[in-house]
Amino acid sequence: MRVISGAARGCRLTAPKGVNTRPTADRLKENLFNILQPRIAGAYFLDLFSGSGAIGIEALSRGADAAVFVERDFAAVSVIRENLRKTKLAERAGVLALSAGEALARLFNDKKTFDIIFMDPPYGSELAKTTFALLARYNILKDGGILIAELPSEGDAPVSEIFAPLKSKTYGSTRMVFYEGTVPGQL
């Protein structure tokens, strides 16, 4: 696992040990950022269920102004911090060692908003639907911002009137679903 492009290009990233995290494959990450590239420069990026932090680090490396990493597993949080130090991107990053729900509530209360939100909850859990509902409730995605959900290719993608679906891309057993933030009632 490595940083594909930008300031930290080629830097090898550490992955948390064990089976609790599932790093996004480099090929999938490259396709994701090919789609997002026009929106990355100057963006505020939120990486939910961060694991190793590879997605948010890629965003920072490619020119995002700031990234917030949310991960509740303390071993993974240590790996994220190590990867941020290794890539020299730590000063533009914040790490919240909280559950996604706790982090979203804190970010909302702190009036933080994001241009791009990426969420990669554990497959086979209800966390995708729960987190999606919390994102709609707290609505910290800027109007016109992009929400990306990495999900298993089988099953229904979450829906909400706050997020208009843009497209869905399937890569083997993984699907990336892209949504745009909207004003409620204007889908």
Protein backbone atom coordinates (compact mmCIF):
# COMPACT_ATOMS: atom_id res chain seq x y z
CA MET A 1 0.00 0.00 0.00
CA ARG A 2 1.45 3.34 -1.08
CA VAL A 3 0.60 6.94 -1.85
CA ILE A 4 -0.11 7.03 -5.58
CA SER A 5 0.33 10.69 -6.50
CA GLY A 6 1.17 14.15 -5.24
CA ALA A 7 3.57 15.46 -2.61
CA ALA A 8 3.98 12.09 -0.83
CA ARG A 9 3.97 9.99 -4.02
CA GLY A 10 5.53 6.55 -3.60
CA CYS A 11 5.62 6.66 0.20
CA ARG A 12 4.79 3.21 1.63
CA LEU A 13 2.00 3.20 4.20
CA THR A 14 1.63 0.86 7.13
CA ALA A 15 -1.63 -1.07 7.52
CA PRO A 16 -3.09 -1.98 10.91
CA LYS A 17 -2.41 -5.58 11.91
CA GLY A 18 -5.25 -8.07 12.15
CA VAL A 19 -8.49 -8.48 10.28
CA ASN A 20 -10.39 -5.46 11.66
CA THR A 21 -9.44 -3.24 8.73
CA ARG A 22 -9.68 -3.78 4.99
CA PRO A 23 -7.38 -1.40 3.12
CA THR A 24 -8.70 0.00 -0.14
CA ALA A 25 -6.71 -1.55 -2.99
CA ASP A 26 -4.32 0.75 -4.88
CA ARG A 27 -6.22 0.20 -8.15
CA LEU A 28 -9.51 1.19 -6.53
CA LYS A 29 -7.88 4.18 -4.84
CA GLU A 30 -6.40 5.33 -8.16
CA ASN A 31 -9.81 5.09 -9.89
CA LEU A 32 -11.46 6.98 -7.02
CA PHE A 33 -8.96 9.83 -7.21
CA ASN A 34 -9.12 10.00 -11.00
CA ILE A 35 -12.81 10.79 -10.53
CA LEU A 36 -12.24 13.21 -7.61
CA GLN A 37 -9.13 14.98 -8.97
CA PRO A 38 -10.90 18.15 -10.19
CA ARG A 39 -12.32 18.64 -6.67
CA ILE A 40 -9.29 17.81 -4.50
CA ALA A 41 -7.22 21.02 -4.62
CA GLY A 42 -8.15 23.16 -1.62
CA ALA A 43 -10.77 20.69 -0.36
CA TYR A 44 -11.67 19.87 3.23
CA PHE A 45 -11.76 16.06 3.32
CA LEU A 46 -13.40 13.76 5.89
CA ASP A 47 -12.25 10.13 6.01
CA LEU A 48 -14.72 8.03 8.06
CA PHE A 49 -13.67 4.53 9.18
CA SER A 50 -10.13 5.53 8.23
CA GLY A 51 -8.25 2.27 8.92
CA SER A 52 -4.71 3.10 7.81
CA GLY A 53 -5.67 6.61 6.68
CA ALA A 54 -4.65 5.83 3.10
CA ILE A 55 -7.62 7.59 1.47
CA GLY A 56 -7.34 10.83 3.44
CA ILE A 57 -3.55 10.79 3.05
CA GLU A 58 -3.94 10.43 -0.71
CA ALA A 59 -6.29 13.45 -0.67
CA LEU A 60 -3.74 15.51 1.30
CA SER A 61 -0.91 14.39 -0.98
CA ARG A 62 -2.92 15.53 -4.02
CA GLY A 63 -3.61 18.99 -2.63
CA ALA A 64 -6.52 18.90 -0.17
CA ASP A 65 -6.12 21.75 2.34
CA ALA A 66 -7.04 19.59 5.33
CA ALA A 67 -8.30 16.15 6.25
CA VAL A 68 -9.99 14.74 9.33
CA PHE A 69 -9.55 11.04 10.01
CA VAL A 70 -12.18 9.21 12.09
CA GLU A 71 -11.30 5.79 13.50
CA ARG A 72 -12.31 4.21 16.79
CA ASP A 73 -9.80 1.34 16.80
CA PHE A 74 -6.82 2.60 18.84
CA ALA A 75 -4.29 0.41 17.01
CA ALA A 76 -5.49 1.86 13.70
CA VAL A 77 -5.35 5.40 15.13
CA SER A 78 -1.66 4.83 15.95
CA VAL A 79 -1.06 3.62 12.39
CA ILE A 80 -2.82 6.70 10.94
CA ARG A 81 -0.62 9.00 13.03
CA GLU A 82 2.49 7.05 11.99
CA ASN A 83 1.49 7.27 8.31
CA LEU A 84 0.85 11.01 8.61
CA ARG A 85 4.31 11.51 10.15
CA LYS A 86 5.93 9.32 7.50
CA THR A 87 4.31 11.30 4.66
CA LYS A 88 4.98 14.68 6.35
CA LEU A 89 1.29 15.59 6.08
CA ALA A 90 0.44 15.64 9.81
CA GLU A 91 0.13 19.41 10.15
CA ARG A 92 -2.83 19.49 7.75
CA ALA A 93 -4.61 16.58 9.47
CA GLY A 94 -6.76 15.93 12.49
CA VAL A 95 -7.39 12.48 13.93
CA LEU A 96 -10.51 11.72 15.98
CA ALA A 97 -10.32 8.47 17.96
CA LEU A 98 -14.11 8.17 18.14
CA SER A 99 -16.94 6.19 16.60
CA ALA A 100 -18.35 7.68 13.42
CA GLY A 101 -21.49 8.80 15.27
CA GLU A 102 -19.56 10.54 18.04
CA ALA A 103 -17.26 12.21 15.53
CA LEU A 104 -20.11 13.44 13.33
CA ALA A 105 -21.87 14.95 16.35
CA ARG A 106 -18.64 16.69 17.43
CA LEU A 107 -17.90 18.01 13.93
CA PHE A 108 -21.48 19.31 13.64
CA ASN A 109 -21.29 21.01 17.06
CA ASP A 110 -17.94 22.56 16.06
CA LYS A 111 -19.58 23.82 12.82
CA LYS A 112 -17.11 21.96 10.58
CA THR A 113 -18.13 21.28 6.99
CA PHE A 114 -16.45 19.27 4.25
CA ASP A 115 -16.15 19.37 0.49
CA ILE A 116 -15.58 15.61 0.26
CA ILE A 117 -16.61 12.87 2.67
CA PHE A 118 -15.41 9.31 2.17
CA MET A 119 -16.87 6.48 4.24
CA ASP A 120 -15.71 2.87 4.24
CA PRO A 121 -17.59 1.10 7.03
CA PRO A 122 -16.95 -2.57 7.81
CA TYR A 123 -18.74 -4.80 5.32
CA GLY A 124 -21.58 -6.90 6.70
CA SER A 125 -22.51 -4.34 9.37
CA GLU A 126 -25.36 -1.88 9.56
CA LEU A 127 -22.84 0.95 9.93
CA ALA A 128 -23.24 2.11 6.32
CA LYS A 129 -26.97 2.81 6.77
CA THR A 130 -26.55 4.17 10.30
CA THR A 131 -23.69 6.49 9.31
CA PHE A 132 -25.52 7.62 6.19
CA ALA A 133 -28.53 8.56 8.32
CA LEU A 134 -26.26 10.47 10.73
CA LEU A 135 -24.61 12.30 7.82
CA ALA A 136 -28.08 13.35 6.63
CA ARG A 137 -29.03 14.43 10.17
CA TYR A 138 -25.89 16.47 10.84
CA ASN A 139 -25.47 17.58 7.19
CA ILE A 140 -21.78 18.57 7.41
CA LEU A 141 -21.28 18.11 3.66
CA LYS A 142 -21.16 21.46 1.88
CA ASP A 143 -23.80 22.09 -0.79
CA GLY A 144 -22.40 20.64 -3.99
CA GLY A 145 -19.93 18.55 -1.99
CA ILE A 146 -19.32 14.88 -2.71
CA LEU A 147 -20.00 11.90 -0.44
CA ILE A 148 -18.47 8.58 -1.44
CA ALA A 149 -19.53 5.31 0.18
CA GLU A 150 -17.33 2.24 -0.31
CA LEU A 151 -19.68 -0.73 0.00
CA PRO A 152 -19.87 -4.40 -0.93
CA SER A 153 -21.01 -4.81 -4.53
CA GLU A 154 -24.05 -6.81 -3.39
CA GLY A 155 -26.89 -5.10 -1.53
CA ASP A 156 -28.66 -1.77 -1.60
CA ALA A 157 -26.86 1.55 -1.36
CA PRO A 158 -28.14 3.97 1.29
CA VAL A 159 -30.54 6.71 0.19
CA SER A 160 -31.52 10.10 1.60
CA GLU A 161 -33.19 13.30 0.42
CA ILE A 162 -30.08 15.23 1.52
CA PHE A 163 -27.78 13.39 -0.92
CA ALA A 164 -28.49 13.04 -4.62
CA PRO A 165 -26.93 9.90 -6.15
CA LEU A 166 -24.51 10.75 -8.97
CA LYS A 167 -23.05 7.41 -10.00
CA SER A 168 -21.97 3.99 -8.86
CA LYS A 169 -18.83 2.11 -9.93
CA THR A 170 -18.28 -1.59 -9.20
CA TYR A 171 -14.81 -3.11 -8.93
CA GLY A 172 -15.06 -6.85 -8.22
CA SER A 173 -16.63 -7.26 -4.76
CA THR A 174 -16.48 -3.52 -4.01
CA ARG A 175 -18.76 -0.70 -5.11
CA MET A 176 -18.12 3.03 -4.85
CA VAL A 177 -21.33 5.06 -4.70
CA PHE A 178 -21.02 8.82 -5.30
CA TYR A 179 -23.55 11.32 -3.95
CA GLU A 180 -23.77 15.09 -4.15
CA GLY A 181 -24.90 17.25 -1.24
CA THR A 182 -28.14 19.08 -1.97
CA VAL A 183 -30.54 21.40 -0.25
CA PRO A 184 -33.40 19.27 1.20
CA GLY A 185 -36.33 18.95 -1.20
CA GLN A 186 -34.34 19.91 -4.32
CA LEU A 187 -33.47 16.48 -5.74
